[in-house]
PDB file of N, CA and C in Angstrom:
ATOM      1  N   MET A   1     -85.472 -10.114   1.703  1.00  0.00           N
ATOM      2  CA  MET A   1     -85.930  -9.100   0.784  1.00  0.00           C
ATOM      3  C   MET A   1     -85.485  -9.471  -0.630  1.00  0.00           C
ATOM      4  N   LYS A   2     -86.415  -9.484  -1.538  1.00  0.00           N
ATOM      5  CA  LYS A   2     -86.106  -9.880  -2.907  1.00  0.00           C
ATOM      6  C   LYS A   2     -86.012  -8.630  -3.783  1.00  0.00           C
ATOM      7  N   TYR A   3     -84.922  -8.557  -4.570  1.00  0.00           N
ATOM      8  CA  TYR A   3     -84.698  -7.420  -5.456  1.00  0.00           C
ATOM      9  C   TYR A   3     -85.158  -7.758  -6.855  1.00  0.00           C
ATOM     10  N   LYS A   4     -85.702  -6.759  -7.532  1.00  0.00           N
ATOM     11  CA  LYS A   4     -86.058  -6.935  -8.929  1.00  0.00           C
ATOM     12  C   LYS A   4     -84.818  -6.692  -9.772  1.00  0.00           C
ATOM     13  N   ARG A   5     -84.652  -7.494 -10.776  1.00  0.00           N
ATOM     14  CA  ARG A   5     -83.522  -7.349 -11.685  1.00  0.00           C
ATOM     15  C   ARG A   5     -83.795  -6.186 -12.631  1.00  0.00           C
ATOM     16  N   TYR A   6     -82.806  -5.331 -12.843  1.00  0.00           N
ATOM     17  CA  TYR A   6     -82.954  -4.198 -13.757  1.00  0.00           C
ATOM     18  C   TYR A   6     -83.032  -4.707 -15.188  1.00  0.00           C
ATOM     19  N   VAL A   7     -84.014  -4.200 -15.919  1.00  0.00           N
ATOM     20  CA  VAL A   7     -84.181  -4.544 -17.330  1.00  0.00           C
ATOM     21  C   VAL A   7     -84.256  -3.235 -18.104  1.00  0.00           C
ATOM     22  N   SER A   8     -83.286  -3.028 -18.985  1.00  0.00           N
ATOM     23  CA  SER A   8     -83.249  -1.789 -19.771  1.00  0.00           C
ATOM     24  C   SER A   8     -84.425  -1.732 -20.737  1.00  0.00           C
ATOM     25  N   GLU A   9     -84.674  -0.532 -21.251  1.00  0.00           N
ATOM     26  CA  GLU A   9     -85.751  -0.375 -22.230  1.00  0.00           C
ATOM     27  C   GLU A   9     -85.485  -1.220 -23.474  1.00  0.00           C
ATOM     28  N   PHE A  10     -84.224  -1.283 -23.860  1.00  0.00           N
ATOM     29  CA  PHE A  10     -83.868  -2.070 -25.041  1.00  0.00           C
ATOM     30  C   PHE A  10     -84.146  -3.559 -24.804  1.00  0.00           C
ATOM     31  N   GLU A  11     -83.758  -4.052 -23.633  1.00  0.00           N
ATOM     32  CA  GLU A  11     -84.006  -5.464 -23.319  1.00  0.00           C
ATOM     33  C   GLU A  11     -85.504  -5.737 -23.234  1.00  0.00           C
ATOM     34  N   GLN A  12     -86.267  -4.785 -22.700  1.00  0.00           N
ATOM     35  CA  GLN A  12     -87.720  -4.940 -22.666  1.00  0.00           C
ATOM     36  C   GLN A  12     -88.275  -5.033 -24.086  1.00  0.00           C
ATOM     37  N   PHE A  13     -87.765  -4.156 -24.961  1.00  0.00           N
ATOM     38  CA  PHE A  13     -88.201  -4.176 -26.355  1.00  0.00           C
ATOM     39  C   PHE A  13     -87.894  -5.525 -27.003  1.00  0.00           C
ATOM     40  N   LEU A  14     -86.654  -6.010 -26.809  1.00  0.00           N
ATOM     41  CA  LEU A  14     -86.285  -7.294 -27.411  1.00  0.00           C
ATOM     42  C   LEU A  14     -87.141  -8.437 -26.879  1.00  0.00           C
ATOM     43  N   ASN A  15     -87.358  -8.459 -25.586  1.00  0.00           N
ATOM     44  CA  ASN A  15     -88.183  -9.518 -24.997  1.00  0.00           C
ATOM     45  C   ASN A  15     -89.598  -9.495 -25.556  1.00  0.00           C
ATOM     46  N   GLN A  16     -90.163  -8.285 -25.668  1.00  0.00           N
ATOM     47  CA  GLN A  16     -91.507  -8.160 -26.226  1.00  0.00           C
ATOM     48  C   GLN A  16     -91.527  -8.585 -27.691  1.00  0.00           C
ATOM     49  N   TYR A  17     -90.500  -8.165 -28.441  1.00  0.00           N
ATOM     50  CA  TYR A  17     -90.430  -8.519 -29.860  1.00  0.00           C
ATOM     51  C   TYR A  17     -90.343 -10.030 -30.038  1.00  0.00           C
ATOM     52  N   LYS A  18     -89.525 -10.688 -29.217  1.00  0.00           N
ATOM     53  CA  LYS A  18     -89.392 -12.149 -29.307  1.00  0.00           C
ATOM     54  C   LYS A  18     -90.695 -12.855 -28.965  1.00  0.00           C
ATOM     55  N   GLU A  19     -91.454 -12.293 -28.017  1.00  0.00           N
ATOM     56  CA  GLU A  19     -92.745 -12.888 -27.675  1.00  0.00           C
ATOM     57  C   GLU A  19     -93.723 -12.758 -28.843  1.00  0.00           C
ATOM     58  N   GLU A  20     -93.687 -11.604 -29.513  1.00  0.00           N
ATOM     59  CA  GLU A  20     -94.610 -11.360 -30.619  1.00  0.00           C
ATOM     60  C   GLU A  20     -94.181 -12.056 -31.909  1.00  0.00           C
ATOM     61  N   HIS A  21     -92.878 -12.352 -32.030  1.00  0.00           N
ATOM     62  CA  HIS A  21     -92.335 -12.994 -33.232  1.00  0.00           C
ATOM     63  C   HIS A  21     -91.500 -14.214 -32.811  1.00  0.00           C
ATOM     64  N   PRO A  22     -92.155 -15.306 -32.473  1.00  0.00           N
ATOM     65  CA  PRO A  22     -91.423 -16.471 -31.931  1.00  0.00           C
ATOM     66  C   PRO A  22     -90.473 -17.147 -32.927  1.00  0.00           C
ATOM     67  N   ASN A  23     -90.616 -16.872 -34.214  1.00  0.00           N
ATOM     68  CA  ASN A  23     -89.769 -17.539 -35.205  1.00  0.00           C
ATOM     69  C   ASN A  23     -88.460 -16.803 -35.466  1.00  0.00           C
ATOM     70  N   VAL A  24     -88.242 -15.654 -34.852  1.00  0.00           N
ATOM     71  CA  VAL A  24     -87.064 -14.834 -35.135  1.00  0.00           C
ATOM     72  C   VAL A  24     -85.773 -15.577 -34.804  1.00  0.00           C
ATOM     73  N   GLU A  25     -85.690 -16.175 -33.655  1.00  0.00           N
ATOM     74  CA  GLU A  25     -84.451 -16.852 -33.257  1.00  0.00           C
ATOM     75  C   GLU A  25     -84.150 -18.039 -34.170  1.00  0.00           C
ATOM     76  N   ALA A  26     -85.173 -18.762 -34.570  1.00  0.00           N
ATOM     77  CA  ALA A  26     -84.963 -19.889 -35.487  1.00  0.00           C
ATOM     78  C   ALA A  26     -84.449 -19.386 -36.831  1.00  0.00           C
ATOM     79  N   GLU A  27     -84.975 -18.267 -37.301  1.00  0.00           N
ATOM     80  CA  GLU A  27     -84.504 -17.693 -38.568  1.00  0.00           C
ATOM     81  C   GLU A  27     -83.067 -17.202 -38.445  1.00  0.00           C
ATOM     82  N   GLN A  28     -82.717 -16.657 -37.291  1.00  0.00           N
ATOM     83  CA  GLN A  28     -81.336 -16.223 -37.077  1.00  0.00           C
ATOM     84  C   GLN A  28     -80.391 -17.415 -37.137  1.00  0.00           C
ATOM     85  N   ARG A  29     -80.771 -18.504 -36.456  1.00  0.00           N
ATOM     86  CA  ARG A  29     -79.932 -19.715 -36.469  1.00  0.00           C
ATOM     87  C   ARG A  29     -79.820 -20.269 -37.886  1.00  0.00           C
ATOM     88  N   ARG A  30     -80.912 -20.239 -38.636  1.00  0.00           N
ATOM     89  CA  ARG A  30     -80.914 -20.726 -40.022  1.00  0.00           C
ATOM     90  C   ARG A  30     -79.962 -19.877 -40.867  1.00  0.00           C
ATOM     91  N   GLY A  31     -80.035 -18.566 -40.734  1.00  0.00           N
ATOM     92  CA  GLY A  31     -79.152 -17.692 -41.479  1.00  0.00           C
ATOM     93  C   GLY A  31     -77.701 -17.890 -41.109  1.00  0.00           C
ATOM     94  N   TRP A  32     -77.448 -18.102 -39.822  1.00  0.00           N
ATOM     95  CA  TRP A  32     -76.074 -18.340 -39.369  1.00  0.00           C
ATOM     96  C   TRP A  32     -75.518 -19.599 -40.022  1.00  0.00           C
ATOM     97  N   LYS A  33     -76.327 -20.649 -40.071  1.00  0.00           N
ATOM     98  CA  LYS A  33     -75.868 -21.898 -40.685  1.00  0.00           C
ATOM     99  C   LYS A  33     -75.602 -21.728 -42.177  1.00  0.00           C
ATOM    100  N   ILE A  34     -76.435 -20.927 -42.847  1.00  0.00           N
ATOM    101  CA  ILE A  34     -76.247 -20.716 -44.290  1.00  0.00           C
ATOM    102  C   ILE A  34     -74.934 -20.002 -44.553  1.00  0.00           C
ATOM    103  N   TRP A  35     -74.646 -18.952 -43.780  1.00  0.00           N
ATOM    104  CA  TRP A  35     -73.504 -18.097 -44.098  1.00  0.00           C
ATOM    105  C   TRP A  35     -72.220 -18.458 -43.376  1.00  0.00           C
ATOM    106  N   TRP A  36     -72.281 -19.073 -42.202  1.00  0.00           N
ATOM    107  CA  TRP A  36     -71.073 -19.272 -41.415  1.00  0.00           C
ATOM    108  C   TRP A  36     -70.746 -20.721 -41.093  1.00  0.00           C
ATOM    109  N   ASP A  37     -71.720 -21.530 -40.797  1.00  0.00           N
ATOM    110  CA  ASP A  37     -71.450 -22.892 -40.347  1.00  0.00           C
ATOM    111  C   ASP A  37     -71.363 -23.867 -41.517  1.00  0.00           C
ATOM    112  N   HIS A  38     -70.307 -23.753 -42.281  1.00  0.00           N
ATOM    113  CA  HIS A  38     -70.090 -24.716 -43.354  1.00  0.00           C
ATOM    114  C   HIS A  38     -68.588 -24.930 -43.517  1.00  0.00           C
ATOM    115  N   ARG A  39     -68.244 -26.025 -44.108  1.00  0.00           N
ATOM    116  CA  ARG A  39     -66.833 -26.361 -44.274  1.00  0.00           C
ATOM    117  C   ARG A  39     -66.174 -25.445 -45.294  1.00  0.00           C
ATOM    118  N   GLN A  40     -64.930 -25.105 -45.026  1.00  0.00           N
ATOM    119  CA  GLN A  40     -64.157 -24.275 -45.942  1.00  0.00           C
ATOM    120  C   GLN A  40     -63.240 -25.163 -46.767  1.00  0.00           C
ATOM    121  N   ASP A  41     -63.149 -24.855 -48.046  1.00  0.00           N
ATOM    122  CA  ASP A  41     -62.209 -25.544 -48.916  1.00  0.00           C
ATOM    123  C   ASP A  41     -60.904 -24.750 -48.863  1.00  0.00           C
ATOM    124  N   LEU A  42     -59.952 -25.227 -48.069  1.00  0.00           N
ATOM    125  CA  LEU A  42     -58.718 -24.491 -47.844  1.00  0.00           C
ATOM    126  C   LEU A  42     -57.884 -24.349 -49.111  1.00  0.00           C
ATOM    127  N   ASP A  43     -57.920 -25.344 -49.970  1.00  0.00           N
ATOM    128  CA  ASP A  43     -57.197 -25.247 -51.243  1.00  0.00           C
ATOM    129  C   ASP A  43     -57.774 -24.125 -52.105  1.00  0.00           C
ATOM    130  N   GLU A  44     -59.087 -24.030 -52.155  1.00  0.00           N
ATOM    131  CA  GLU A  44     -59.736 -22.974 -52.936  1.00  0.00           C
ATOM    132  C   GLU A  44     -59.419 -21.596 -52.349  1.00  0.00           C
ATOM    133  N   LEU A  45     -59.436 -21.479 -51.029  1.00  0.00           N
ATOM    134  CA  LEU A  45     -59.079 -20.206 -50.402  1.00  0.00           C
ATOM    135  C   LEU A  45     -57.645 -19.810 -50.725  1.00  0.00           C
ATOM    136  N   ASP A  46     -56.741 -20.779 -50.732  1.00  0.00           N
ATOM    137  CA  ASP A  46     -55.348 -20.507 -51.057  1.00  0.00           C
ATOM    138  C   ASP A  46     -55.214 -20.052 -52.507  1.00  0.00           C
ATOM    139  N   ARG A  47     -55.943 -20.701 -53.425  1.00  0.00           N
ATOM    140  CA  ARG A  47     -55.922 -20.291 -54.833  1.00  0.00           C
ATOM    141  C   ARG A  47     -56.452 -18.861 -54.991  1.00  0.00           C
ATOM    142  N   GLN A  48     -57.496 -18.531 -54.271  1.00  0.00           N
ATOM    143  CA  GLN A  48     -58.050 -17.184 -54.352  1.00  0.00           C
ATOM    144  C   GLN A  48     -57.042 -16.149 -53.867  1.00  0.00           C
ATOM    145  N   ARG A  49     -56.355 -16.448 -52.790  1.00  0.00           N
ATOM    146  CA  ARG A  49     -55.340 -15.521 -52.280  1.00  0.00           C
ATOM    147  C   ARG A  49     -54.206 -15.338 -53.285  1.00  0.00           C
ATOM    148  N   GLN A  50     -53.790 -16.417 -53.924  1.00  0.00           N
ATOM    149  CA  GLN A  50     -52.698 -16.338 -54.891  1.00  0.00           C
ATOM    150  C   GLN A  50     -53.121 -15.592 -56.154  1.00  0.00           C
ATOM    151  N   ASP A  51     -54.383 -15.728 -56.555  1.00  0.00           N
ATOM    152  CA  ASP A  51     -54.874 -15.095 -57.773  1.00  0.00           C
ATOM    153  C   ASP A  51     -55.250 -13.628 -57.581  1.00  0.00           C
ATOM    154  N   SER A  52     -55.400 -13.194 -56.349  1.00  0.00           N
ATOM    155  CA  SER A  52     -55.855 -11.818 -56.126  1.00  0.00           C
ATOM    156  C   SER A  52     -54.722 -10.829 -56.391  1.00  0.00           C
ATOM    157  N   VAL A  53     -55.111  -9.636 -56.789  1.00  0.00           N
ATOM    158  CA  VAL A  53     -54.161  -8.563 -57.056  1.00  0.00           C
ATOM    159  C   VAL A  53     -54.205  -7.603 -55.875  1.00  0.00           C
ATOM    160  N   GLU A  54     -53.039  -7.254 -55.363  1.00  0.00           N
ATOM    161  CA  GLU A  54     -52.977  -6.387 -54.204  1.00  0.00           C
ATOM    162  C   GLU A  54     -53.502  -4.990 -54.568  1.00  0.00           C
ATOM    163  N   THR A  55     -54.338  -4.444 -53.708  1.00  0.00           N
ATOM    164  CA  THR A  55     -54.881  -3.112 -53.923  1.00  0.00           C
ATOM    165  C   THR A  55     -53.869  -2.082 -53.449  1.00  0.00           C
ATOM    166  N   LYS A  56     -53.646  -1.058 -54.284  1.00  0.00           N
ATOM    167  CA  LYS A  56     -52.734   0.010 -53.894  1.00  0.00           C
ATOM    168  C   LYS A  56     -53.363   0.814 -52.767  1.00  0.00           C
ATOM    169  N   PRO A  57     -52.542   1.387 -51.885  1.00  0.00           N
ATOM    170  CA  PRO A  57     -53.086   2.118 -50.741  1.00  0.00           C
ATOM    171  C   PRO A  57     -54.025   3.267 -51.142  1.00  0.00           C
ATOM    172  N   TYR A  58     -53.688   4.007 -52.206  1.00  0.00           N
ATOM    173  CA  TYR A  58     -54.536   5.085 -52.667  1.00  0.00           C
ATOM    174  C   TYR A  58     -54.766   4.902 -54.156  1.00  0.00           C
ATOM    175  N   TYR A  59     -55.935   4.468 -54.536  1.00  0.00           N
ATOM    176  CA  TYR A  59     -56.171   4.090 -55.920  1.00  0.00           C
ATOM    177  C   TYR A  59     -57.018   5.104 -56.676  1.00  0.00           C
ATOM    178  N   TYR A  60     -57.162   6.321 -56.163  1.00  0.00           N
ATOM    179  CA  TYR A  60     -57.907   7.358 -56.875  1.00  0.00           C
ATOM    180  C   TYR A  60     -56.965   8.363 -57.525  1.00  0.00           C
ATOM    181  N   GLY A  61     -55.749   7.941 -57.829  1.00  0.00           N
ATOM    182  CA  GLY A  61     -54.792   8.911 -58.339  1.00  0.00           C
ATOM    183  C   GLY A  61     -54.394   8.705 -59.760  1.00  0.00           C
TER     184      GLY A  61
END
């Protein structure tokens, strides 16, 4: 006896959306590479941390 796998309404929606818009996943990967997959300049990050001014816990006073 073969059982059907449960597919939620949300998963059905996503599957249908991906079928209708085949470029979505490629655009997601492209955006991920632009914003996250790049080398960090650790020296620059350290300079930024040293140059930043600590925010007071309550600054509306």
